C-alpha atoms as a PDB file:
ATOM      1  CA  MET A   1       0.123  -0.187   0.215  1.00  0.00           C
ATOM      2  CA  ALA A   2       1.201   3.580  -0.852  1.00  0.00           C
ATOM      3  CA  CYS A   3       1.715   6.038   1.739  1.00  0.00           C
ATOM      4  CA  LEU A   4      -0.709   9.194   0.989  1.00  0.00           C
ATOM      5  CA  VAL A   5      -0.016  12.487   2.600  1.00  0.00           C
ATOM      6  CA  SER A   6      -1.629  16.063   2.186  1.00  0.00           C
ATOM      7  CA  ARG A   7      -0.302  18.441  -0.057  1.00  0.00           C
ATOM      8  CA  SER A   8       1.086  21.464   1.855  1.00  0.00           C
ATOM      9  CA  GLY A   9       2.401  24.971   0.994  1.00  0.00           C
ATOM     10  CA  ARG A  10       1.304  27.573  -1.316  1.00  0.00           C
ATOM     11  CA  GLU A  11       4.280  27.702  -3.451  1.00  0.00           C
ATOM     12  CA  LEU A  12       2.145  26.386  -6.289  1.00  0.00           C
ATOM     13  CA  GLN A  13      -0.905  27.805  -5.410  1.00  0.00           C
ATOM     14  CA  ARG A  14      -3.317  29.320  -8.342  1.00  0.00           C
ATOM     15  CA  TYR A  15      -4.346  33.159  -7.889  1.00  0.00           C
ATOM     16  CA  ASP A  16      -6.849  34.932 -10.347  1.00  0.00           C
ATOM     17  CA  ASN A  17      -5.959  38.054 -12.127  1.00  0.00           C
ATOM     18  CA  GLN A  18      -7.541  40.008  -9.251  1.00  0.00           C
ATOM     19  CA  GLY A  19      -5.192  38.229  -6.743  1.00  0.00           C
ATOM     20  CA  ARG A  20      -7.912  35.721  -5.184  1.00  0.00           C
ATOM     21  CA  ARG A  21      -7.036  32.518  -4.327  1.00  0.00           C
ATOM     22  CA  GLN A  22      -8.504  29.884  -6.278  1.00  0.00           C
ATOM     23  CA  VAL A  23      -9.894  26.478  -4.657  1.00  0.00           C
ATOM     24  CA  VAL A  24     -11.469  23.698  -5.824  1.00  0.00           C
ATOM     25  CA  GLY A  25     -14.176  21.501  -4.167  1.00  0.00           C
ATOM     26  CA  CYS A  26     -16.408  18.430  -4.891  1.00  0.00           C
ATOM     27  CA  ILE A  27     -19.676  17.071  -3.556  1.00  0.00           C
ATOM     28  CA  PRO A  28     -18.875  13.397  -3.194  1.00  0.00           C
ATOM     29  CA  TYR A  29     -22.373  11.703  -3.865  1.00  0.00           C
ATOM     30  CA  ARG A  30     -23.890   7.990  -4.309  1.00  0.00           C
ATOM     31  CA  PHE A  31     -27.318   6.449  -4.797  1.00  0.00           C
ATOM     32  CA  LYS A  32     -28.106   4.851  -1.320  1.00  0.00           C
ATOM     33  CA  ASN A  33     -28.583   0.875  -1.325  1.00  0.00           C
ATOM     34  CA  CYS A  34     -31.926  -0.801  -1.036  1.00  0.00           C
ATOM     35  CA  ILE A  35     -32.448  -3.691   1.205  1.00  0.00           C
ATOM     36  CA  ASP A  36     -31.992  -6.185  -1.558  1.00  0.00           C
ATOM     37  CA  GLY A  37     -28.268  -5.017  -2.426  1.00  0.00           C
ATOM     38  CA  SER A  38     -29.632  -3.007  -5.631  1.00  0.00           C
ATOM     39  CA  ILE A  39     -29.059   0.616  -5.917  1.00  0.00           C
ATOM     40  CA  GLY A  40     -31.985   3.037  -5.259  1.00  0.00           C
ATOM     41  CA  ASP A  41     -32.919   6.452  -5.943  1.00  0.00           C
ATOM     42  CA  ALA A  42     -31.961   8.023  -2.920  1.00  0.00           C
ATOM     43  CA  LEU A  43     -29.261  10.617  -3.170  1.00  0.00           C
ATOM     44  CA  GLU A  44     -26.233  10.826  -0.291  1.00  0.00           C
ATOM     45  CA  VAL A  45     -23.689  13.494  -0.354  1.00  0.00           C
ATOM     46  CA  LEU A  46     -20.682  13.398   2.048  1.00  0.00           C
ATOM     47  CA  VAL A  47     -19.828  16.154   4.179  1.00  0.00           C
ATOM     48  CA  ILE A  48     -16.619  16.272   5.733  1.00  0.00           C
ATOM     49  CA  THR A  49     -15.678  18.147   9.179  1.00  0.00           C
ATOM     50  CA  SER A  50     -13.550  21.127   8.954  1.00  0.00           C
ATOM     51  CA  GLN A  51     -10.110  20.766  10.483  1.00  0.00           C
ATOM     52  CA  LYS A  52     -10.840  23.323  13.403  1.00  0.00           C
ATOM     53  CA  GLY A  53     -13.802  21.871  14.074  1.00  0.00           C
ATOM     54  CA  GLN A  54     -16.095  24.624  12.895  1.00  0.00           C
ATOM     55  CA  GLY A  55     -18.783  22.794  11.281  1.00  0.00           C
ATOM     56  CA  MET A  56     -19.470  20.584   8.277  1.00  0.00           C
ATOM     57  CA  MET A  57     -18.418  21.395   4.358  1.00  0.00           C
ATOM     58  CA  PHE A  58     -17.400  19.547   1.584  1.00  0.00           C
ATOM     59  CA  PRO A  59     -13.811  18.747   0.471  1.00  0.00           C
ATOM     60  CA  LYS A  60     -12.118  21.665  -0.721  1.00  0.00           C
ATOM     61  CA  GLY A  61      -8.664  23.237  -1.162  1.00  0.00           C
ATOM     62  CA  GLY A  62      -6.376  25.297  -3.185  1.00  0.00           C
ATOM     63  CA  TRP A  63      -5.835  24.825  -7.215  1.00  0.00           C
ATOM     64  CA  GLU A  64      -2.335  24.132  -7.757  1.00  0.00           C
ATOM     65  CA  LEU A  65       0.059  24.934 -10.822  1.00  0.00           C
ATOM     66  CA  ASP A  66       0.797  21.868 -11.616  1.00  0.00           C
ATOM     67  CA  GLU A  67      -2.732  20.115 -12.085  1.00  0.00           C
ATOM     68  CA  SER A  68      -5.979  20.450 -13.913  1.00  0.00           C
ATOM     69  CA  VAL A  69      -9.075  21.946 -12.092  1.00  0.00           C
ATOM     70  CA  GLU A  70     -10.397  18.177 -12.368  1.00  0.00           C
ATOM     71  CA  GLU A  71      -7.161  16.813 -11.055  1.00  0.00           C
ATOM     72  CA  ALA A  72      -7.249  19.138  -7.999  1.00  0.00           C
ATOM     73  CA  ALA A  73     -10.828  18.193  -7.126  1.00  0.00           C
ATOM     74  CA  SER A  74     -10.108  14.676  -7.246  1.00  0.00           C
ATOM     75  CA  ARG A  75      -6.926  15.333  -4.932  1.00  0.00           C
ATOM     76  CA  GLU A  76      -8.706  17.135  -2.565  1.00  0.00           C
ATOM     77  CA  SER A  77     -11.571  14.590  -2.003  1.00  0.00           C
ATOM     78  CA  LEU A  78      -8.939  12.042  -1.566  1.00  0.00           C
ATOM     79  CA  GLU A  79      -7.022  13.878   1.044  1.00  0.00           C
ATOM     80  CA  GLU A  80      -9.912  15.261   2.934  1.00  0.00           C
ATOM     81  CA  ALA A  81     -12.672  12.539   2.567  1.00  0.00           C
ATOM     82  CA  GLY A  82     -10.588   9.701   1.493  1.00  0.00           C
ATOM     83  CA  VAL A  83     -12.994   8.906  -1.479  1.00  0.00           C
ATOM     84  CA  LEU A  84     -12.120   8.220  -5.223  1.00  0.00           C
ATOM     85  CA  GLY A  85     -14.773   8.357  -7.792  1.00  0.00           C
ATOM     86  CA  HIS A  86     -15.565  10.475 -11.366  1.00  0.00           C
ATOM     87  CA  VAL A  87     -15.302  13.836 -11.384  1.00  0.00           C
ATOM     88  CA  GLU A  88     -18.033  15.493 -13.446  1.00  0.00           C
ATOM     89  CA  ASP A  89     -18.773  18.752 -15.302  1.00  0.00           C
ATOM     90  CA  GLU A  90     -18.485  21.628 -13.020  1.00  0.00           C
ATOM     91  CA  LEU A  91     -21.116  23.190 -10.937  1.00  0.00           C
ATOM     92  CA  GLY A  92     -20.224  26.574 -11.031  1.00  0.00           C
ATOM     93  CA  LYS A  93     -17.779  29.193  -9.617  1.00  0.00           C
ATOM     94  CA  TRP A  94     -18.184  31.334  -6.761  1.00  0.00           C
ATOM     95  CA  ASN A  95     -16.209  34.239  -5.284  1.00  0.00           C
ATOM     96  CA  PHE A  96     -16.696  34.507  -1.494  1.00  0.00           C
ATOM     97  CA  LEU A  97     -14.988  35.754   1.489  1.00  0.00           C
ATOM     98  CA  SER A  98     -12.883  33.691   3.679  1.00  0.00           C
ATOM     99  CA  LYS A  99     -13.877  34.820   7.497  1.00  0.00           C
ATOM    100  CA  ARG A 100     -10.762  33.359   8.795  1.00  0.00           C
ATOM    101  CA  HIS A 101      -8.275  35.285   6.558  1.00  0.00           C
ATOM    102  CA  GLY A 102     -10.863  38.241   5.551  1.00  0.00           C
ATOM    103  CA  THR A 103      -9.666  37.728   1.888  1.00  0.00           C
ATOM    104  CA  PHE A 104     -11.783  37.340  -1.276  1.00  0.00           C
ATOM    105  CA  TYR A 105     -11.266  33.452  -2.682  1.00  0.00           C
ATOM    106  CA  GLU A 106     -12.566  31.922  -6.165  1.00  0.00           C
ATOM    107  CA  GLY A 107     -14.037  28.405  -5.829  1.00  0.00           C
ATOM    108  CA  TYR A 108     -14.969  26.004  -8.358  1.00  0.00           C
ATOM    109  CA  MET A 109     -17.203  23.177  -7.464  1.00  0.00           C
ATOM    110  CA  PHE A 110     -17.600  19.878  -9.109  1.00  0.00           C
ATOM    111  CA  PRO A 111     -19.813  16.651  -8.431  1.00  0.00           C
ATOM    112  CA  LEU A 112     -17.893  13.442  -7.697  1.00  0.00           C
ATOM    113  CA  LEU A 113     -19.645   9.735  -8.095  1.00  0.00           C
ATOM    114  CA  VAL A 114     -18.166   7.926  -5.622  1.00  0.00           C
ATOM    115  CA  THR A 115     -16.484   4.651  -6.590  1.00  0.00           C
ATOM    116  CA  GLU A 116     -14.415   3.914  -3.676  1.00  0.00           C
ATOM    117  CA  GLN A 117     -14.572   4.660   0.012  1.00  0.00           C
ATOM    118  CA  LEU A 118     -11.102   4.113   1.550  1.00  0.00           C
ATOM    119  CA  ASP A 119     -10.581   3.032   5.371  1.00  0.00           C
ATOM    120  CA  LEU A 120      -7.234   5.095   5.130  1.00  0.00           C
ATOM    121  CA  TRP A 121      -6.829   8.574   4.129  1.00  0.00           C
ATOM    122  CA  PRO A 122      -4.171  11.435   4.741  1.00  0.00           C
ATOM    123  CA  GLU A 123      -6.784  13.433   6.868  1.00  0.00           C
ATOM    124  CA  LYS A 124      -8.299  10.781   8.549  1.00  0.00           C
ATOM    125  CA  HIS A 125      -7.037  11.764  11.709  1.00  0.00           C
ATOM    126  CA  VAL A 126      -8.350  15.082  11.279  1.00  0.00           C
ATOM    127  CA  ARG A 127     -11.464  15.162   9.910  1.00  0.00           C
ATOM    128  CA  GLN A 128     -14.648  13.205   9.817  1.00  0.00           C
ATOM    129  CA  ARG A 129     -16.805  12.166   7.219  1.00  0.00           C
ATOM    130  CA  ILE A 130     -20.714  11.464   7.414  1.00  0.00           C
ATOM    131  CA  TRP A 131     -23.086  10.357   4.525  1.00  0.00           C
ATOM    132  CA  MET A 132     -26.222  12.440   5.003  1.00  0.00           C
ATOM    133  CA  SER A 133     -29.331  13.166   2.803  1.00  0.00           C
ATOM    134  CA  VAL A 134     -29.651  16.371   0.752  1.00  0.00           C
ATOM    135  CA  GLU A 135     -31.633  17.853   3.254  1.00  0.00           C
ATOM    136  CA  GLU A 136     -29.484  17.271   6.011  1.00  0.00           C
ATOM    137  CA  ALA A 137     -26.239  18.556   4.316  1.00  0.00           C
ATOM    138  CA  LYS A 138     -27.935  21.982   3.467  1.00  0.00           C
ATOM    139  CA  ASP A 139     -28.583  22.403   7.045  1.00  0.00           C
ATOM    140  CA  ALA A 140     -25.094  21.045   8.317  1.00  0.00           C
ATOM    141  CA  CYS A 141     -22.973  23.042   5.528  1.00  0.00           C
ATOM    142  CA  ARG A 142     -21.675  26.245   6.786  1.00  0.00           C
ATOM    143  CA  HIS A 143     -20.857  27.581   3.262  1.00  0.00           C
ATOM    144  CA  TRP A 144     -23.440  29.596   1.193  1.00  0.00           C
ATOM    145  CA  TRP A 145     -21.484  28.839  -1.986  1.00  0.00           C
ATOM    146  CA  MET A 146     -21.455  24.988  -1.218  1.00  0.00           C
ATOM    147  CA  LYS A 147     -25.125  24.942  -0.423  1.00  0.00           C
ATOM    148  CA  GLU A 148     -25.878  26.690  -3.531  1.00  0.00           C
ATOM    149  CA  ALA A 149     -23.362  24.208  -5.545  1.00  0.00           C
ATOM    150  CA  LEU A 150     -25.436  21.348  -3.827  1.00  0.00           C
ATOM    151  CA  ASP A 151     -28.835  23.040  -5.229  1.00  0.00           C
ATOM    152  CA  ILE A 152     -27.195  22.845  -8.618  1.00  0.00           C
ATOM    153  CA  LEU A 153     -26.193  19.206  -8.488  1.00  0.00           C
ATOM    154  CA  VAL A 154     -29.751  18.209  -7.431  1.00  0.00           C
ATOM    155  CA  VAL A 155     -31.481  19.861 -10.317  1.00  0.00           C
ATOM    156  CA  ARG A 156     -28.963  18.217 -12.682  1.00  0.00           C
ATOM    157  CA  LEU A 157     -29.287  14.949 -11.424  1.00  0.00           C
ATOM    158  CA  THR A 158     -33.057  15.076 -11.186  1.00  0.00           C
ATOM    159  CA  SER A 159     -33.214  16.108 -14.823  1.00  0.00           C
ATOM    160  CA  LEU A 160     -30.837  13.476 -15.765  1.00  0.00           C
ATOM    161  CA  GLN A 161     -33.153  11.273 -14.131  1.00  0.00           C
ATOM    162  CA  GLN A 162     -36.311  12.229 -15.628  1.00  0.00           C
ATOM    163  CA  GLN A 163     -34.346  12.125 -19.301  1.00  0.00           C
ATOM    164  CA  LYS A 164     -33.476   8.717 -18.354  1.00  0.00           C
ATOM    165  CA  GLU A 165     -36.856   7.522 -17.427  1.00  0.00           C
ATOM    166  CA  GLU A 166     -38.477   8.908 -20.580  1.00  0.00           C
ATOM    167  CA  ASN A 167     -36.000   7.144 -22.857  1.00  0.00           C
ATOM    168  CA  ASP A 168     -36.657   3.772 -20.844  1.00  0.00           C
ATOM    169  CA  VAL A 169     -40.626   4.078 -21.362  1.00  0.00           C
ATOM    170  CA  PRO A 170     -41.087   1.144 -23.583  1.00  0.00           C
ATOM    171  CA  SER A 171     -42.973   1.585 -26.859  1.00  0.00           C
ATOM    172  CA  CYS A 172     -45.906   0.209 -27.989  1.00  0.00           C
ATOM    173  CA  SER A 173     -46.205  -1.201 -31.761  1.00  0.00           C
ATOM    174  CA  LEU A 174     -49.396  -2.220 -33.101  1.00  0.00           C
ATOM    175  CA  SER A 175     -49.033  -5.424 -34.867  1.00  0.00           C
END
């Protein structure tokens, strides 16, 4: 097994043309299993505790110069939440004020369809992870911009499910 550690330092950190630090996050999600073991329609999202113990959030962190935005999103989900999966199309970009640092950041959010949950991950000893319903996550999440991203994800997944159901309707033929 390889030893995984979180990246640290800001030497490779990206900033936009207005000097805002660029951060990337993911909303890890899955569909809850049914009693019979099949995959159901109930959406669950994974939230994590902040390092300082100041509430719940989705994994996020700095986007570095040597990685794509999708690679950064995947890395943050692995480091902070211990999950691997498929990074999907961007949910949006938000500008927000960091209360801790008093500076503006530019944040990008992506959905991450979880395919694997690790028992050991780099920040296991400084964070807790909890699978929640969308409503529970909206109540627990402390960042307004992450809640907006979650709303966008729900609309997107609902629309995809409706399209799938429409395409799966068997057609009747007259004989």
